Amino acid sequence: MLGLINHVVRISARRDRTEINSAMVDALMDLFAPERLTIYRCYTGKRKTIVFACAGYGPQGQFLRNAYLPDHHFCQPIDRDPLLRQCRKELSAVLDYQEDGSHRVIFPVLRLDEPIYFIDLVLSDEFSADRRVTLMGLIEYFGNHIALLDYGEADTLTGLASRKTFDKHLFELLGQAASDELLGNDHQFARRALAPDSNHWLAVCDIDHFKRINDNFGHLIGDEVLIMLSQVMRQSFRFDDQLFRFGGEEFVALLQPTDRASAQATLDRFRSDVEKTVFSRVGHVTVSIGFSQLLSCDTPTDVIERADEALYYAKRNGRNQVACYEQLITDGRLAAREIAKGEVELF
């Protein structure tokens, strides 16, 4: 019992998903000695559900990966694993006996009846009922602690990540990208192999004429529009793109590595999806979007200012469109901002 309490204290002291996962793996290994263990983060999309093996224990020992930046090498559609798919469908623990006498058990961690994590363990046949109850209690505590963390990081209206979490996410992304650049595109070392001309991108999205919506329909309807827009946003972007509400009618998306044309296509798809959506009582709403490439020496202010310049250009030139800062510079439609000495492109 003392060991369990000590591990609960260690988990509760963590304020980061990756650190919480690490503490959870330590607790599960110490208290239950599984033969194999995987903590999956779950991303439920419109077309398919993806799971990311972000921490655990396997033949090579314990492993830990950044829970906020899912590495595609360790992601898979949930349908590839029948037991995970069954757990996703039933939203309850599932059990499968292995040929060697051990058994595999998967526990879902749920939020609003949707799985956000799966805890996948292979346990020996001698695993007692009392220990199983303790295990289930620890997993429930893990889920509650993740929920509290998410509540602290999320915008309370839309559920997207909040402005205060943006800096941390951006610096983590820059750190991973810089590390991958140093290691090169060698699959043996790099966490993800990047296609030629791939870059991270930041997009600032702003609802057109949102003040009119508040003035004509009231702030409660305005809030409803923001909630519906966030839902469209979740469905339009890839599972590993990071989405934020900055406040008011302004949203930000951090796009994972891709080329400029693909980034433009992704943002145009989102813009089009918003335009086609019927917002109750309001009717149709449009958004303007400006985006820019991330640079190695960027601060949050630097890249947001560039994306904002592209956004303002889109606003001044008809709204309901997507503008790329770099393309505007190339076309001579904007003057380039002064770049600090020593600033270089990430990729």
Protein backbone atom coordinates (compact mmCIF):
# COMPACT_ATOMS: atom_id res chain seq x y z
CA MET A 1 0.00 0.00 0.00
CA LEU A 2 2.85 2.39 0.84
CA GLY A 3 4.38 1.78 -2.59
CA LEU A 4 1.08 2.61 -4.29
CA ILE A 5 0.75 5.84 -2.30
CA ASN A 6 4.30 6.87 -3.18
CA HIS A 7 3.63 6.37 -6.88
CA VAL A 8 0.34 8.28 -6.72
CA VAL A 9 2.22 11.18 -5.09
CA ARG A 10 4.83 11.10 -7.88
CA ILE A 11 2.17 11.06 -10.60
CA SER A 12 0.24 13.89 -8.96
CA ALA A 13 3.39 16.06 -8.86
CA ARG A 14 3.68 16.02 -12.69
CA ARG A 15 2.20 18.85 -14.78
CA ASP A 16 3.02 17.60 -18.26
CA ARG A 17 1.53 14.69 -20.23
CA THR A 18 4.93 13.22 -21.08
CA GLU A 19 6.07 13.38 -17.45
CA ILE A 20 2.79 11.89 -16.22
CA ASN A 21 3.18 9.01 -18.70
CA SER A 22 6.72 8.40 -17.44
CA ALA A 23 5.58 8.32 -13.81
CA MET A 24 2.70 6.00 -14.73
CA VAL A 25 5.05 3.54 -16.47
CA ASP A 26 7.30 3.54 -13.38
CA ALA A 27 4.29 2.81 -11.16
CA LEU A 28 2.95 0.00 -13.35
CA MET A 29 6.36 -1.62 -13.68
CA ASP A 30 7.12 -1.42 -9.96
CA LEU A 31 3.71 -2.50 -8.66
CA PHE A 32 2.59 -5.06 -11.25
CA ALA A 33 5.70 -6.17 -13.19
CA PRO A 34 3.98 -6.62 -16.58
CA GLU A 35 5.79 -8.60 -19.24
CA ARG A 36 4.95 -5.84 -21.70
CA LEU A 37 3.31 -2.45 -21.33
CA THR A 38 2.18 0.29 -23.74
CA ILE A 39 0.44 3.56 -23.01
CA TYR A 40 -1.35 4.71 -26.16
CA ARG A 41 -2.64 8.22 -26.68
CA CYS A 42 -5.81 8.08 -28.76
CA TYR A 43 -6.86 10.53 -31.48
CA THR A 44 -10.44 10.11 -32.69
CA GLY A 45 -11.02 11.62 -36.11
CA LYS A 46 -13.92 11.89 -38.54
CA ARG A 47 -12.63 9.04 -40.71
CA LYS A 48 -10.47 6.91 -38.42
CA THR A 49 -9.00 6.60 -34.95
CA ILE A 50 -5.21 6.77 -34.52
CA VAL A 51 -3.24 5.48 -31.53
CA PHE A 52 0.25 6.67 -30.62
CA ALA A 53 2.51 4.47 -28.47
CA CYS A 54 3.89 7.25 -26.28
CA ALA A 55 5.33 5.30 -23.34
CA GLY A 56 5.82 1.78 -22.05
CA TYR A 57 8.05 -1.23 -21.67
CA GLY A 58 9.06 -3.71 -24.35
CA PRO A 59 11.89 -6.01 -25.48
CA GLN A 60 14.31 -3.05 -25.59
CA GLY A 61 13.36 -1.82 -22.11
CA GLN A 62 11.36 1.24 -21.11
CA PHE A 63 10.61 3.93 -23.69
CA LEU A 64 9.18 7.44 -23.50
CA ARG A 65 8.11 9.77 -26.33
CA ASN A 66 6.82 13.32 -26.38
CA ALA A 67 3.08 12.96 -25.76
CA TYR A 68 2.29 16.28 -27.44
CA LEU A 69 4.11 15.56 -30.72
CA PRO A 70 3.09 12.11 -31.97
CA ASP A 71 5.87 10.50 -34.00
CA HIS A 72 4.34 8.83 -37.06
CA HIS A 73 6.77 5.92 -36.76
CA PHE A 74 4.89 4.89 -33.62
CA CYS A 75 1.35 5.72 -34.72
CA GLN A 76 -1.14 3.33 -36.29
CA PRO A 77 -4.85 3.16 -37.14
CA ILE A 78 -6.64 1.44 -34.28
CA ASP A 79 -8.22 -1.03 -36.70
CA ARG A 80 -4.84 -2.73 -37.17
CA ASP A 81 -5.12 -4.20 -33.66
CA PRO A 82 -8.34 -6.22 -33.13
CA LEU A 83 -8.14 -6.00 -29.33
CA LEU A 84 -7.63 -2.25 -29.33
CA ARG A 85 -10.52 -1.94 -31.79
CA GLN A 86 -12.73 -4.04 -29.51
CA CYS A 87 -11.79 -1.90 -26.50
CA ARG A 88 -12.60 1.22 -28.53
CA LYS A 89 -15.99 -0.20 -29.48
CA GLU A 90 -17.00 -1.50 -26.04
CA LEU A 91 -15.43 1.37 -24.02
CA SER A 92 -14.50 -1.10 -21.30
CA ALA A 93 -11.55 -3.33 -20.43
CA VAL A 94 -10.96 -6.31 -22.72
CA LEU A 95 -8.97 -9.46 -22.03
CA ASP A 96 -7.18 -11.90 -24.33
CA TYR A 97 -5.34 -15.05 -23.23
CA GLN A 98 -1.96 -15.63 -24.88
CA GLU A 99 -0.54 -18.97 -26.02
CA ASP A 100 2.27 -18.80 -23.43
CA GLY A 101 -0.20 -18.67 -20.52
CA SER A 102 -0.01 -14.94 -19.96
CA HIS A 103 -2.91 -12.62 -20.74
CA ARG A 104 -3.19 -9.28 -22.44
CA VAL A 105 -5.57 -6.75 -20.95
CA ILE A 106 -6.40 -3.27 -22.28
CA PHE A 107 -8.04 -0.56 -20.20
CA PRO A 108 -9.57 2.54 -21.85
CA VAL A 109 -9.20 5.97 -20.27
CA LEU A 110 -12.35 7.87 -21.20
CA ARG A 111 -13.47 11.48 -21.41
CA LEU A 112 -17.06 12.25 -22.43
CA ASP A 113 -17.47 8.63 -23.56
CA GLU A 114 -14.50 8.87 -25.91
CA PRO A 115 -11.16 7.12 -25.30
CA ILE A 116 -8.21 9.47 -24.83
CA TYR A 117 -5.73 6.77 -23.72
CA PHE A 118 -5.41 3.00 -23.69
CA ILE A 119 -3.30 1.15 -21.11
CA ASP A 120 -2.18 -2.12 -22.72
CA LEU A 121 -0.51 -4.73 -20.49
CA VAL A 122 0.64 -8.33 -20.79
CA LEU A 123 0.45 -9.93 -17.32
CA SER A 124 1.40 -13.33 -15.93
CA ASP A 125 -1.31 -15.89 -15.24
CA GLU A 126 -0.77 -15.54 -11.48
CA PHE A 127 -2.15 -11.99 -11.43
CA SER A 128 -4.58 -11.97 -8.48
CA ALA A 129 -8.04 -10.39 -8.27
CA ASP A 130 -6.89 -8.02 -5.50
CA ARG A 131 -4.04 -6.73 -7.62
CA ARG A 132 -6.43 -6.30 -10.55
CA VAL A 133 -8.62 -4.02 -8.41
CA THR A 134 -5.55 -1.99 -7.42
CA LEU A 135 -4.50 -1.75 -11.07
CA MET A 136 -7.93 -0.51 -12.13
CA GLY A 137 -7.86 2.09 -9.33
CA LEU A 138 -4.45 3.35 -10.44
CA ILE A 139 -5.60 3.65 -14.07
CA GLU A 140 -8.71 5.55 -12.96
CA TYR A 141 -6.50 7.93 -10.98
CA PHE A 142 -4.26 8.39 -14.04
CA GLY A 143 -7.30 9.32 -16.13
CA ASN A 144 -8.54 11.80 -13.51
CA HIS A 145 -5.13 13.48 -13.33
CA ILE A 146 -4.94 13.76 -17.14
CA ALA A 147 -8.43 15.29 -17.12
CA LEU A 148 -7.34 17.91 -14.57
CA LEU A 149 -4.26 18.70 -16.66
CA ASP A 150 -6.39 19.06 -19.80
CA TYR A 151 -8.81 21.32 -17.95
CA GLY A 152 -5.92 23.58 -16.97
CA GLU A 153 -4.48 23.66 -20.49
CA ALA A 154 -7.74 24.01 -22.42
CA ASP A 155 -9.80 27.01 -23.39
CA THR A 156 -12.92 26.65 -21.24
CA LEU A 157 -15.36 27.57 -24.04
CA THR A 158 -14.10 25.58 -27.04
CA GLY A 159 -11.96 22.85 -25.45
CA LEU A 160 -9.04 23.65 -27.76
CA ALA A 161 -5.63 24.33 -26.23
CA SER A 162 -5.46 27.79 -24.69
CA ARG A 163 -3.17 30.72 -25.41
CA LYS A 164 -1.15 30.13 -22.25
CA THR A 165 -0.06 26.67 -23.47
CA PHE A 166 1.03 27.89 -26.90
CA ASP A 167 4.58 29.00 -26.00
CA LYS A 168 5.39 25.65 -24.42
CA HIS A 169 4.06 23.69 -27.40
CA LEU A 170 5.89 25.88 -29.90
CA PHE A 171 9.24 25.56 -28.13
CA GLU A 172 8.80 21.76 -27.90
CA LEU A 173 8.06 21.64 -31.61
CA LEU A 174 11.08 23.81 -32.44
CA GLY A 175 13.27 21.67 -30.20
CA GLN A 176 12.19 18.43 -31.86
CA ALA A 177 12.56 19.87 -35.35
CA ALA A 178 16.04 21.24 -34.63
CA SER A 179 17.08 17.90 -33.16
CA ASP A 180 15.83 16.01 -36.20
CA GLU A 181 17.71 18.42 -38.46
CA LEU A 182 20.96 17.75 -36.59
CA LEU A 183 20.44 13.99 -36.76
CA GLY A 184 19.54 14.12 -40.42
CA ASN A 185 16.84 12.14 -42.15
CA ASP A 186 18.32 8.77 -41.18
CA HIS A 187 15.40 6.55 -40.15
CA GLN A 188 17.63 4.83 -37.61
CA PHE A 189 18.09 8.05 -35.62
CA ALA A 190 15.64 10.76 -36.66
CA ARG A 191 12.23 10.67 -35.01
CA ARG A 192 10.55 11.38 -38.32
CA ALA A 193 11.90 11.47 -41.85
CA LEU A 194 10.95 14.69 -43.57
CA ALA A 195 10.11 14.96 -47.24
CA PRO A 196 12.02 17.55 -49.27
CA ASP A 197 10.79 21.12 -48.74
CA SER A 198 8.87 20.12 -45.61
CA ASN A 199 8.44 22.79 -42.96
CA HIS A 200 6.39 23.48 -39.88
CA TRP A 201 3.79 26.20 -40.40
CA LEU A 202 1.79 28.46 -38.13
CA ALA A 203 -1.62 29.75 -39.21
CA VAL A 204 -3.71 32.49 -37.59
CA CYS A 205 -7.43 32.14 -38.30
CA ASP A 206 -9.93 34.95 -37.69
CA ILE A 207 -13.72 34.91 -38.04
CA ASP A 208 -14.84 37.56 -40.52
CA HIS A 209 -17.14 40.28 -39.13
CA PHE A 210 -17.45 38.55 -35.77
CA LYS A 211 -18.37 41.83 -34.05
CA ARG A 212 -21.47 41.99 -36.23
CA ILE A 213 -22.48 38.54 -34.98
CA ASN A 214 -22.20 39.63 -31.35
CA ASP A 215 -23.97 42.94 -32.05
CA ASN A 216 -26.82 41.40 -34.06
CA PHE A 217 -27.38 38.13 -32.21
CA GLY A 218 -25.82 38.60 -28.77
CA HIS A 219 -22.76 37.15 -27.08
CA LEU A 220 -24.37 33.79 -26.27
CA ILE A 221 -24.92 33.12 -29.98
CA GLY A 222 -21.41 34.45 -30.61
CA ASP A 223 -20.09 31.84 -28.16
CA GLU A 224 -22.10 29.17 -29.97
CA VAL A 225 -20.40 30.16 -33.24
CA LEU A 226 -16.98 29.84 -31.56
CA ILE A 227 -17.84 26.37 -30.27
CA MET A 228 -19.10 25.20 -33.66
CA LEU A 229 -16.03 26.64 -35.39
CA SER A 230 -13.73 24.73 -33.03
CA GLN A 231 -15.60 21.53 -33.92
CA VAL A 232 -15.11 22.18 -37.64
CA MET A 233 -11.45 22.91 -36.91
CA ARG A 234 -10.93 19.54 -35.20
CA GLN A 235 -12.46 17.71 -38.14
CA SER A 236 -10.52 19.62 -40.81
CA PHE A 237 -6.94 19.24 -39.57
CA ARG A 238 -4.73 16.19 -39.15
CA PHE A 239 -4.67 14.46 -35.78
CA ASP A 240 -1.14 15.68 -35.02
CA ASP A 241 -1.70 19.34 -35.95
CA GLN A 242 -2.00 21.44 -32.80
CA LEU A 243 -4.97 23.76 -32.44
CA PHE A 244 -5.37 26.74 -30.10
CA ARG A 245 -7.89 29.41 -29.30
CA PHE A 246 -6.01 32.62 -28.68
CA GLY A 247 -9.02 34.55 -27.46
CA GLY A 248 -11.98 36.31 -28.97
CA GLU A 249 -12.51 35.12 -32.55
CA GLU A 250 -8.83 34.29 -33.18
CA PHE A 251 -7.56 30.71 -33.52
CA VAL A 252 -4.08 29.33 -34.24
CA ALA A 253 -2.98 26.08 -35.88
CA LEU A 254 0.54 24.62 -35.73
CA LEU A 255 0.93 22.36 -38.77
CA GLN A 256 3.28 19.40 -38.77
CA PRO A 257 5.97 19.26 -41.50
CA THR A 258 4.65 19.59 -45.02
CA ASP A 259 5.37 21.66 -48.12
CA ARG A 260 3.84 25.07 -48.75
CA ALA A 261 1.30 23.82 -51.28
CA SER A 262 0.03 21.13 -48.92
CA ALA A 263 -0.19 23.61 -46.04
CA GLN A 264 -2.17 25.96 -48.29
CA ALA A 265 -4.48 23.09 -49.32
CA THR A 266 -5.08 22.08 -45.68
CA LEU A 267 -5.97 25.63 -44.67
CA ASP A 268 -8.14 26.14 -47.75
CA ARG A 269 -10.02 22.96 -46.88
CA PHE A 270 -10.69 24.30 -43.39
CA ARG A 271 -11.79 27.68 -44.80
CA SER A 272 -14.14 25.91 -47.22
CA ASP A 273 -15.52 23.63 -44.49
CA VAL A 274 -16.35 26.69 -42.37
CA GLU A 275 -18.00 28.44 -45.33
CA LYS A 276 -20.23 25.41 -46.03
CA THR A 277 -21.28 24.94 -42.38
CA VAL A 278 -24.65 26.31 -41.31
CA PHE A 279 -24.27 28.00 -37.93
CA SER A 280 -27.58 27.90 -36.08
CA ARG A 281 -29.41 31.27 -36.02
CA VAL A 282 -26.49 32.99 -37.75
CA GLY A 283 -26.39 31.11 -41.04
CA HIS A 284 -23.08 31.05 -42.89
CA VAL A 285 -19.79 32.35 -41.47
CA THR A 286 -16.42 32.79 -43.14
CA VAL A 287 -12.82 32.94 -41.89
CA SER A 288 -9.67 34.66 -43.11
CA ILE A 289 -6.33 32.91 -42.57
CA GLY A 290 -2.70 33.99 -42.68
CA PHE A 291 0.16 31.54 -42.32
CA SER A 292 3.94 31.51 -42.20
CA GLN A 293 6.85 29.09 -42.00
CA LEU A 294 8.57 28.53 -38.65
CA LEU A 295 12.22 29.64 -38.44
CA SER A 296 14.84 28.21 -36.08
CA CYS A 297 15.24 31.38 -34.01
CA ASP A 298 11.55 32.24 -33.88
CA THR A 299 9.86 33.37 -30.71
CA PRO A 300 6.08 33.07 -30.52
CA THR A 301 5.84 36.81 -31.23
CA ASP A 302 8.01 36.57 -34.38
CA VAL A 303 6.03 33.91 -36.18
CA ILE A 304 2.64 35.26 -35.08
CA GLU A 305 3.55 38.71 -36.41
CA ARG A 306 4.39 37.25 -39.84
CA ALA A 307 1.20 35.18 -39.95
CA ASP A 308 -0.75 38.24 -38.78
CA GLU A 309 0.63 40.31 -41.65
CA ALA A 310 -0.64 37.69 -44.09
CA LEU A 311 -3.98 37.60 -42.23
CA TYR A 312 -4.38 41.37 -42.47
CA TYR A 313 -3.62 41.17 -46.19
CA ALA A 314 -6.39 38.59 -46.58
CA LYS A 315 -8.76 40.81 -44.60
CA ARG A 316 -7.95 43.89 -46.68
CA ASN A 317 -8.37 42.05 -49.95
CA GLY A 318 -11.82 40.52 -49.68
CA ARG A 319 -11.72 38.18 -46.61
CA ASN A 320 -12.71 34.48 -46.74
CA GLN A 321 -9.29 33.53 -48.12
CA VAL A 322 -5.93 32.06 -47.13
CA ALA A 323 -2.71 34.07 -47.53
CA CYS A 324 0.86 32.82 -47.11
CA TYR A 325 3.39 35.37 -45.83
CA GLU A 326 6.30 33.93 -47.82
CA GLN A 327 4.26 33.81 -51.03
CA LEU A 328 3.16 37.42 -50.54
CA ILE A 329 6.82 38.45 -50.15
CA THR A 330 7.82 36.50 -53.27
CA ASP A 331 5.00 38.13 -55.26
CA GLY A 332 5.97 41.60 -54.04
CA ARG A 333 2.61 42.18 -52.37
CA LEU A 334 4.22 42.62 -48.93
CA ALA A 335 7.57 44.03 -47.85
CA ALA A 336 9.69 41.50 -45.96
CA ARG A 337 10.11 42.04 -42.25
CA GLU A 338 13.67 42.60 -41.05
CA ILE A 339 15.18 39.27 -40.00
CA ALA A 340 17.43 39.20 -36.97
CA LYS A 341 21.09 38.47 -37.66
CA GLY A 342 21.82 34.76 -37.39
CA GLU A 343 18.21 33.69 -37.97
CA VAL A 344 18.05 30.74 -40.33
CA GLU A 345 15.34 28.50 -41.65
CA LEU A 346 14.60 25.28 -39.79
CA PHE A 347 14.68 22.98 -42.79
